[in-house]
């Protein structure tokens, strides 16, 4: 569990689990968080359009885009 950080939840149903998607649209990158329960979506658009993802505490990997194989 992450300490000293505020947990986030769906603004519609209050559920706390999400699936993240990358919507690479010109001229900026947008992230879409979809609630696993009610499927409501929230769009995250960094401004300025620079996003850096680093390893978190007790992590072996970073958040990344999943590419279909085959």
PDB file of N, CA and C in Angstrom:
ATOM      1  N   UNK A   1       0.838  -1.176   0.000  1.00  0.00           N
ATOM      2  CA  UNK A   1       0.000   0.000   0.000  1.00  0.00           C
ATOM      3  C   UNK A   1       0.887   1.245   0.000  1.00  0.00           C
ATOM      4  N   UNK A   2       0.491   2.223  -0.774  1.00  0.00           N
ATOM      5  CA  UNK A   2       1.247   3.475  -0.858  1.00  0.00           C
ATOM      6  C   UNK A   2       0.876   4.338   0.354  1.00  0.00           C
ATOM      7  N   UNK A   3       1.871   4.806   1.048  1.00  0.00           N
ATOM      8  CA  UNK A   3       1.615   5.640   2.210  1.00  0.00           C
ATOM      9  C   UNK A   3       1.811   7.110   1.847  1.00  0.00           C
ATOM     10  N   UNK A   4       1.156   7.980   2.565  1.00  0.00           N
ATOM     11  CA  UNK A   4       1.243   9.429   2.372  1.00  0.00           C
ATOM     12  C   UNK A   4       0.745   9.878   0.997  1.00  0.00           C
ATOM     13  N   UNK A   5      -0.057   9.050   0.330  1.00  0.00           N
ATOM     14  CA  UNK A   5      -0.651   9.415  -0.949  1.00  0.00           C
ATOM     15  C   UNK A   5      -2.163   9.257  -0.842  1.00  0.00           C
ATOM     16  N   UNK A   6      -2.892  10.115  -1.518  1.00  0.00           N
ATOM     17  CA  UNK A   6      -4.349  10.061  -1.472  1.00  0.00           C
ATOM     18  C   UNK A   6      -4.868   9.055  -2.491  1.00  0.00           C
ATOM     19  N   UNK A   7      -5.622   8.033  -2.040  1.00  0.00           N
ATOM     20  CA  UNK A   7      -6.165   7.066  -3.000  1.00  0.00           C
ATOM     21  C   UNK A   7      -7.237   7.714  -3.867  1.00  0.00           C
ATOM     22  N   UNK A   8      -7.404   7.192  -5.074  1.00  0.00           N
ATOM     23  CA  UNK A   8      -8.399   7.732  -5.990  1.00  0.00           C
ATOM     24  C   UNK A   8      -9.490   6.697  -6.209  1.00  0.00           C
ATOM     25  N   UNK A   9     -10.685   7.181  -6.530  1.00  0.00           N
ATOM     26  CA  UNK A   9     -11.822   6.296  -6.774  1.00  0.00           C
ATOM     27  C   UNK A   9     -12.667   6.872  -7.896  1.00  0.00           C
ATOM     28  N   UNK A  10     -13.539   6.058  -8.442  1.00  0.00           N
ATOM     29  CA  UNK A  10     -14.440   6.482  -9.513  1.00  0.00           C
ATOM     30  C   UNK A  10     -15.403   7.542  -8.970  1.00  0.00           C
ATOM     31  N   UNK A  11     -15.564   8.617  -9.718  1.00  0.00           N
ATOM     32  CA  UNK A  11     -16.482   9.677  -9.309  1.00  0.00           C
ATOM     33  C   UNK A  11     -17.943   9.286  -9.471  1.00  0.00           C
ATOM     34  N   UNK A  12     -18.208   8.207 -10.190  1.00  0.00           N
ATOM     35  CA  UNK A  12     -19.578   7.759 -10.402  1.00  0.00           C
ATOM     36  C   UNK A  12     -20.009   6.751  -9.343  1.00  0.00           C
ATOM     37  N   UNK A  13     -19.235   5.658  -9.188  1.00  0.00           N
ATOM     38  CA  UNK A  13     -19.659   4.581  -8.286  1.00  0.00           C
ATOM     39  C   UNK A  13     -18.771   4.414  -7.052  1.00  0.00           C
ATOM     40  N   UNK A  14     -17.620   5.084  -7.001  1.00  0.00           N
ATOM     41  CA  UNK A  14     -16.733   4.993  -5.844  1.00  0.00           C
ATOM     42  C   UNK A  14     -15.775   3.820  -5.863  1.00  0.00           C
ATOM     43  N   UNK A  15     -15.818   2.998  -6.909  1.00  0.00           N
ATOM     44  CA  UNK A  15     -14.926   1.834  -7.015  1.00  0.00           C
ATOM     45  C   UNK A  15     -13.485   2.321  -7.167  1.00  0.00           C
ATOM     46  N   UNK A  16     -12.533   1.562  -6.672  1.00  0.00           N
ATOM     47  CA  UNK A  16     -11.148   2.004  -6.670  1.00  0.00           C
ATOM     48  C   UNK A  16     -10.217   1.313  -7.638  1.00  0.00           C
ATOM     49  N   UNK A  17     -10.734   0.471  -8.547  1.00  0.00           N
ATOM     50  CA  UNK A  17      -9.877  -0.203  -9.509  1.00  0.00           C
ATOM     51  C   UNK A  17     -10.177   0.297 -10.914  1.00  0.00           C
ATOM     52  N   UNK A  18      -9.102   0.538 -11.681  1.00  0.00           N
ATOM     53  CA  UNK A  18      -9.221   1.126 -13.012  1.00  0.00           C
ATOM     54  C   UNK A  18      -8.367   0.372 -14.001  1.00  0.00           C
ATOM     55  N   UNK A  19      -8.694   0.501 -15.265  1.00  0.00           N
ATOM     56  CA  UNK A  19      -7.844   0.049 -16.360  1.00  0.00           C
ATOM     57  C   UNK A  19      -7.384   1.309 -17.077  1.00  0.00           C
ATOM     58  N   UNK A  20      -6.101   1.392 -17.389  1.00  0.00           N
ATOM     59  CA  UNK A  20      -5.540   2.582 -18.016  1.00  0.00           C
ATOM     60  C   UNK A  20      -5.289   2.320 -19.492  1.00  0.00           C
ATOM     61  N   UNK A  21      -5.596   3.344 -20.317  1.00  0.00           N
ATOM     62  CA  UNK A  21      -5.384   3.281 -21.755  1.00  0.00           C
ATOM     63  C   UNK A  21      -4.618   4.517 -22.202  1.00  0.00           C
ATOM     64  N   UNK A  22      -3.844   4.353 -23.256  1.00  0.00           N
ATOM     65  CA  UNK A  22      -3.124   5.464 -23.856  1.00  0.00           C
ATOM     66  C   UNK A  22      -3.853   5.863 -25.123  1.00  0.00           C
ATOM     67  N   UNK A  23      -4.208   7.150 -25.229  1.00  0.00           N
ATOM     68  CA  UNK A  23      -4.858   7.673 -26.429  1.00  0.00           C
ATOM     69  C   UNK A  23      -3.914   8.687 -27.038  1.00  0.00           C
ATOM     70  N   UNK A  24      -3.025   8.227 -27.880  1.00  0.00           N
ATOM     71  CA  UNK A  24      -2.013   9.107 -28.459  1.00  0.00           C
ATOM     72  C   UNK A  24      -2.631   9.882 -29.614  1.00  0.00           C
ATOM     73  N   UNK A  25      -3.044  11.089 -29.321  1.00  0.00           N
ATOM     74  CA  UNK A  25      -3.648  11.962 -30.309  1.00  0.00           C
ATOM     75  C   UNK A  25      -2.773  13.195 -30.461  1.00  0.00           C
ATOM     76  N   UNK A  26      -2.587  13.625 -31.672  1.00  0.00           N
ATOM     77  CA  UNK A  26      -1.800  14.837 -31.905  1.00  0.00           C
ATOM     78  C   UNK A  26      -2.615  16.048 -31.484  1.00  0.00           C
ATOM     79  N   UNK A  27      -2.055  17.052 -30.876  1.00  0.00           N
ATOM     80  CA  UNK A  27      -0.633  17.214 -30.631  1.00  0.00           C
ATOM     81  C   UNK A  27      -0.196  16.720 -29.258  1.00  0.00           C
ATOM     82  N   UNK A  28      -1.084  16.075 -28.487  1.00  0.00           N
ATOM     83  CA  UNK A  28      -0.684  15.684 -27.136  1.00  0.00           C
ATOM     84  C   UNK A  28      -1.099  14.250 -26.831  1.00  0.00           C
ATOM     85  N   UNK A  29      -0.538  13.727 -25.761  1.00  0.00           N
ATOM     86  CA  UNK A  29      -0.870  12.400 -25.270  1.00  0.00           C
ATOM     87  C   UNK A  29      -2.008  12.530 -24.267  1.00  0.00           C
ATOM     88  N   UNK A  30      -2.970  11.647 -24.361  1.00  0.00           N
ATOM     89  CA  UNK A  30      -4.045  11.590 -23.370  1.00  0.00           C
ATOM     90  C   UNK A  30      -4.066  10.189 -22.788  1.00  0.00           C
ATOM     91  N   UNK A  31      -4.353  10.109 -21.501  1.00  0.00           N
ATOM     92  CA  UNK A  31      -4.537   8.834 -20.825  1.00  0.00           C
ATOM     93  C   UNK A  31      -6.011   8.722 -20.460  1.00  0.00           C
ATOM     94  N   UNK A  32      -6.560   7.526 -20.572  1.00  0.00           N
ATOM     95  CA  UNK A  32      -7.955   7.300 -20.224  1.00  0.00           C
ATOM     96  C   UNK A  32      -7.989   6.245 -19.124  1.00  0.00           C
ATOM     97  N   UNK A  33      -8.616   6.586 -18.003  1.00  0.00           N
ATOM     98  CA  UNK A  33      -8.804   5.647 -16.893  1.00  0.00           C
ATOM     99  C   UNK A  33     -10.253   5.180 -16.943  1.00  0.00           C
ATOM    100  N   UNK A  34     -10.465   3.856 -17.045  1.00  0.00           N
ATOM    101  CA  UNK A  34     -11.821   3.312 -17.096  1.00  0.00           C
ATOM    102  C   UNK A  34     -12.076   2.508 -15.829  1.00  0.00           C
ATOM    103  N   UNK A  35     -13.171   2.824 -15.146  1.00  0.00           N
ATOM    104  CA  UNK A  35     -13.543   2.115 -13.926  1.00  0.00           C
ATOM    105  C   UNK A  35     -13.840   0.657 -14.256  1.00  0.00           C
ATOM    106  N   UNK A  36     -13.279  -0.267 -13.479  1.00  0.00           N
ATOM    107  CA  UNK A  36     -13.505  -1.693 -13.705  1.00  0.00           C
ATOM    108  C   UNK A  36     -14.929  -2.113 -13.380  1.00  0.00           C
ATOM    109  N   UNK A  37     -15.650  -1.312 -12.581  1.00  0.00           N
ATOM    110  CA  UNK A  37     -16.996  -1.691 -12.166  1.00  0.00           C
ATOM    111  C   UNK A  37     -18.069  -1.110 -13.085  1.00  0.00           C
ATOM    112  N   UNK A  38     -18.144   0.224 -13.197  1.00  0.00           N
ATOM    113  CA  UNK A  38     -19.239   0.852 -13.952  1.00  0.00           C
ATOM    114  C   UNK A  38     -18.831   1.299 -15.348  1.00  0.00           C
ATOM    115  N   UNK A  39     -17.544   1.191 -15.681  1.00  0.00           N
ATOM    116  CA  UNK A  39     -16.989   1.545 -16.997  1.00  0.00           C
ATOM    117  C   UNK A  39     -16.983   3.041 -17.294  1.00  0.00           C
ATOM    118  N   UNK A  40     -17.206   3.890 -16.284  1.00  0.00           N
ATOM    119  CA  UNK A  40     -17.061   5.333 -16.473  1.00  0.00           C
ATOM    120  C   UNK A  40     -15.607   5.623 -16.817  1.00  0.00           C
ATOM    121  N   UNK A  41     -15.381   6.663 -17.615  1.00  0.00           N
ATOM    122  CA  UNK A  41     -14.020   6.999 -17.999  1.00  0.00           C
ATOM    123  C   UNK A  41     -13.646   8.403 -17.557  1.00  0.00           C
ATOM    124  N   UNK A  42     -12.376   8.589 -17.275  1.00  0.00           N
ATOM    125  CA  UNK A  42     -11.797   9.891 -16.981  1.00  0.00           C
ATOM    126  C   UNK A  42     -10.622  10.079 -17.914  1.00  0.00           C
ATOM    127  N   UNK A  43     -10.530  11.256 -18.521  1.00  0.00           N
ATOM    128  CA  UNK A  43      -9.444  11.553 -19.449  1.00  0.00           C
ATOM    129  C   UNK A  43      -8.390  12.380 -18.717  1.00  0.00           C
ATOM    130  N   UNK A  44      -7.153  11.948 -18.802  1.00  0.00           N
ATOM    131  CA  UNK A  44      -6.031  12.623 -18.163  1.00  0.00           C
ATOM    132  C   UNK A  44      -5.161  13.175 -19.282  1.00  0.00           C
ATOM    133  N   UNK A  45      -5.022  14.482 -19.321  1.00  0.00           N
ATOM    134  CA  UNK A  45      -4.222  15.122 -20.363  1.00  0.00           C
ATOM    135  C   UNK A  45      -3.150  15.975 -19.713  1.00  0.00           C
ATOM    136  N   UNK A  46      -1.901  15.485 -19.721  1.00  0.00           N
ATOM    137  CA  UNK A  46      -0.821  16.255 -19.122  1.00  0.00           C
ATOM    138  C   UNK A  46      -0.599  17.572 -19.860  1.00  0.00           C
ATOM    139  N   UNK A  47      -0.312  18.618 -19.113  1.00  0.00           N
ATOM    140  CA  UNK A  47       0.008  19.916 -19.720  1.00  0.00           C
ATOM    141  C   UNK A  47       1.128  20.552 -18.907  1.00  0.00           C
ATOM    142  N   UNK A  48       2.242  20.927 -19.458  1.00  0.00           N
ATOM    143  CA  UNK A  48       2.595  20.754 -20.863  1.00  0.00           C
ATOM    144  C   UNK A  48       2.734  19.267 -21.193  1.00  0.00           C
ATOM    145  N   UNK A  49       2.725  18.942 -22.447  1.00  0.00           N
ATOM    146  CA  UNK A  49       2.676  17.554 -22.893  1.00  0.00           C
ATOM    147  C   UNK A  49       4.007  16.839 -22.706  1.00  0.00           C
ATOM    148  N   UNK A  50       4.438  16.758 -21.480  1.00  0.00           N
ATOM    149  CA  UNK A  50       5.633  15.993 -21.133  1.00  0.00           C
ATOM    150  C   UNK A  50       5.275  15.115 -19.950  1.00  0.00           C
ATOM    151  N   UNK A  51       5.458  13.832 -20.097  1.00  0.00           N
ATOM    152  CA  UNK A  51       5.092  12.887 -19.062  1.00  0.00           C
ATOM    153  C   UNK A  51       6.264  11.962 -18.822  1.00  0.00           C
ATOM    154  N   UNK A  52       6.667  11.850 -17.578  1.00  0.00           N
ATOM    155  CA  UNK A  52       7.776  10.975 -17.226  1.00  0.00           C
ATOM    156  C   UNK A  52       7.259   9.986 -16.198  1.00  0.00           C
ATOM    157  N   UNK A  53       7.478   8.703 -16.433  1.00  0.00           N
ATOM    158  CA  UNK A  53       7.047   7.655 -15.520  1.00  0.00           C
ATOM    159  C   UNK A  53       8.289   6.992 -14.955  1.00  0.00           C
ATOM    160  N   UNK A  54       8.403   6.975 -13.645  1.00  0.00           N
ATOM    161  CA  UNK A  54       9.568   6.397 -12.974  1.00  0.00           C
ATOM    162  C   UNK A  54       9.139   5.223 -12.102  1.00  0.00           C
ATOM    163  N   UNK A  55      10.115   4.456 -11.659  1.00  0.00           N
ATOM    164  CA  UNK A  55       9.852   3.349 -10.754  1.00  0.00           C
ATOM    165  C   UNK A  55       9.326   3.888  -9.431  1.00  0.00           C
ATOM    166  N   UNK A  56       8.274   3.285  -8.904  1.00  0.00           N
ATOM    167  CA  UNK A  56       7.727   3.663  -7.610  1.00  0.00           C
ATOM    168  C   UNK A  56       8.393   2.871  -6.499  1.00  0.00           C
ATOM    169  N   UNK A  57       8.042   3.190  -5.280  1.00  0.00           N
ATOM    170  CA  UNK A  57       8.580   2.512  -4.114  1.00  0.00           C
ATOM    171  C   UNK A  57       8.215   1.029  -4.163  1.00  0.00           C
ATOM    172  N   UNK A  58       9.155   0.163  -3.920  1.00  0.00           N
ATOM    173  CA  UNK A  58       8.975  -1.297  -3.908  1.00  0.00           C
ATOM    174  C   UNK A  58       8.486  -1.821  -5.260  1.00  0.00           C
ATOM    175  N   UNK A  59       8.966  -1.269  -6.374  1.00  0.00           N
ATOM    176  CA  UNK A  59       8.511  -1.666  -7.707  1.00  0.00           C
ATOM    177  C   UNK A  59       9.620  -2.327  -8.503  1.00  0.00           C
ATOM    178  N   UNK A  60       9.231  -3.321  -9.282  1.00  0.00           N
ATOM    179  CA  UNK A  60      10.160  -3.974 -10.201  1.00  0.00           C
ATOM    180  C   UNK A  60       9.922  -3.504 -11.635  1.00  0.00           C
ATOM    181  N   UNK A  61       8.879  -2.717 -11.849  1.00  0.00           N
ATOM    182  CA  UNK A  61       8.583  -2.258 -13.192  1.00  0.00           C
ATOM    183  C   UNK A  61       7.750  -0.991 -13.172  1.00  0.00           C
ATOM    184  N   UNK A  62       7.692  -0.348 -14.313  1.00  0.00           N
ATOM    185  CA  UNK A  62       6.928   0.890 -14.458  1.00  0.00           C
ATOM    186  C   UNK A  62       5.677   0.623 -15.269  1.00  0.00           C
ATOM    187  N   UNK A  63       4.715   1.526 -15.171  1.00  0.00           N
ATOM    188  CA  UNK A  63       3.524   1.494 -16.007  1.00  0.00           C
ATOM    189  C   UNK A  63       3.968   1.624 -17.455  1.00  0.00           C
ATOM    190  N   UNK A  64       3.413   0.812 -18.344  1.00  0.00           N
ATOM    191  CA  UNK A  64       3.821   0.842 -19.741  1.00  0.00           C
ATOM    192  C   UNK A  64       2.642   0.521 -20.640  1.00  0.00           C
ATOM    193  N   UNK A  65       2.788   0.754 -21.930  1.00  0.00           N
ATOM    194  CA  UNK A  65       1.754   0.415 -22.905  1.00  0.00           C
ATOM    195  C   UNK A  65       1.870  -1.053 -23.269  1.00  0.00           C
ATOM    196  N   UNK A  66       0.750  -1.754 -23.276  1.00  0.00           N
ATOM    197  CA  UNK A  66       0.726  -3.156 -23.668  1.00  0.00           C
ATOM    198  C   UNK A  66       0.485  -3.223 -25.164  1.00  0.00           C
ATOM    199  N   UNK A  67       1.362  -3.857 -25.885  1.00  0.00           N
ATOM    200  CA  UNK A  67       1.238  -3.986 -27.336  1.00  0.00           C
ATOM    201  C   UNK A  67       0.728  -5.396 -27.657  1.00  0.00           C
ATOM    202  N   UNK A  68      -0.286  -5.514 -28.512  1.00  0.00           N
ATOM    203  CA  UNK A  68      -0.744  -6.849 -28.911  1.00  0.00           C
ATOM    204  C   UNK A  68       0.377  -7.621 -29.595  1.00  0.00           C
ATOM    205  N   UNK A  69       0.437  -8.918 -29.367  1.00  0.00           N
ATOM    206  CA  UNK A  69       1.458  -9.734 -30.006  1.00  0.00           C
ATOM    207  C   UNK A  69       0.818 -10.575 -31.100  1.00  0.00           C
ATOM    208  N   UNK A  70       1.615 -10.914 -32.079  1.00  0.00           N
ATOM    209  CA  UNK A  70       1.174 -11.807 -33.133  1.00  0.00           C
ATOM    210  C   UNK A  70       0.486 -11.110 -34.202  1.00  0.00           C
TER     211      UNK A  70
END
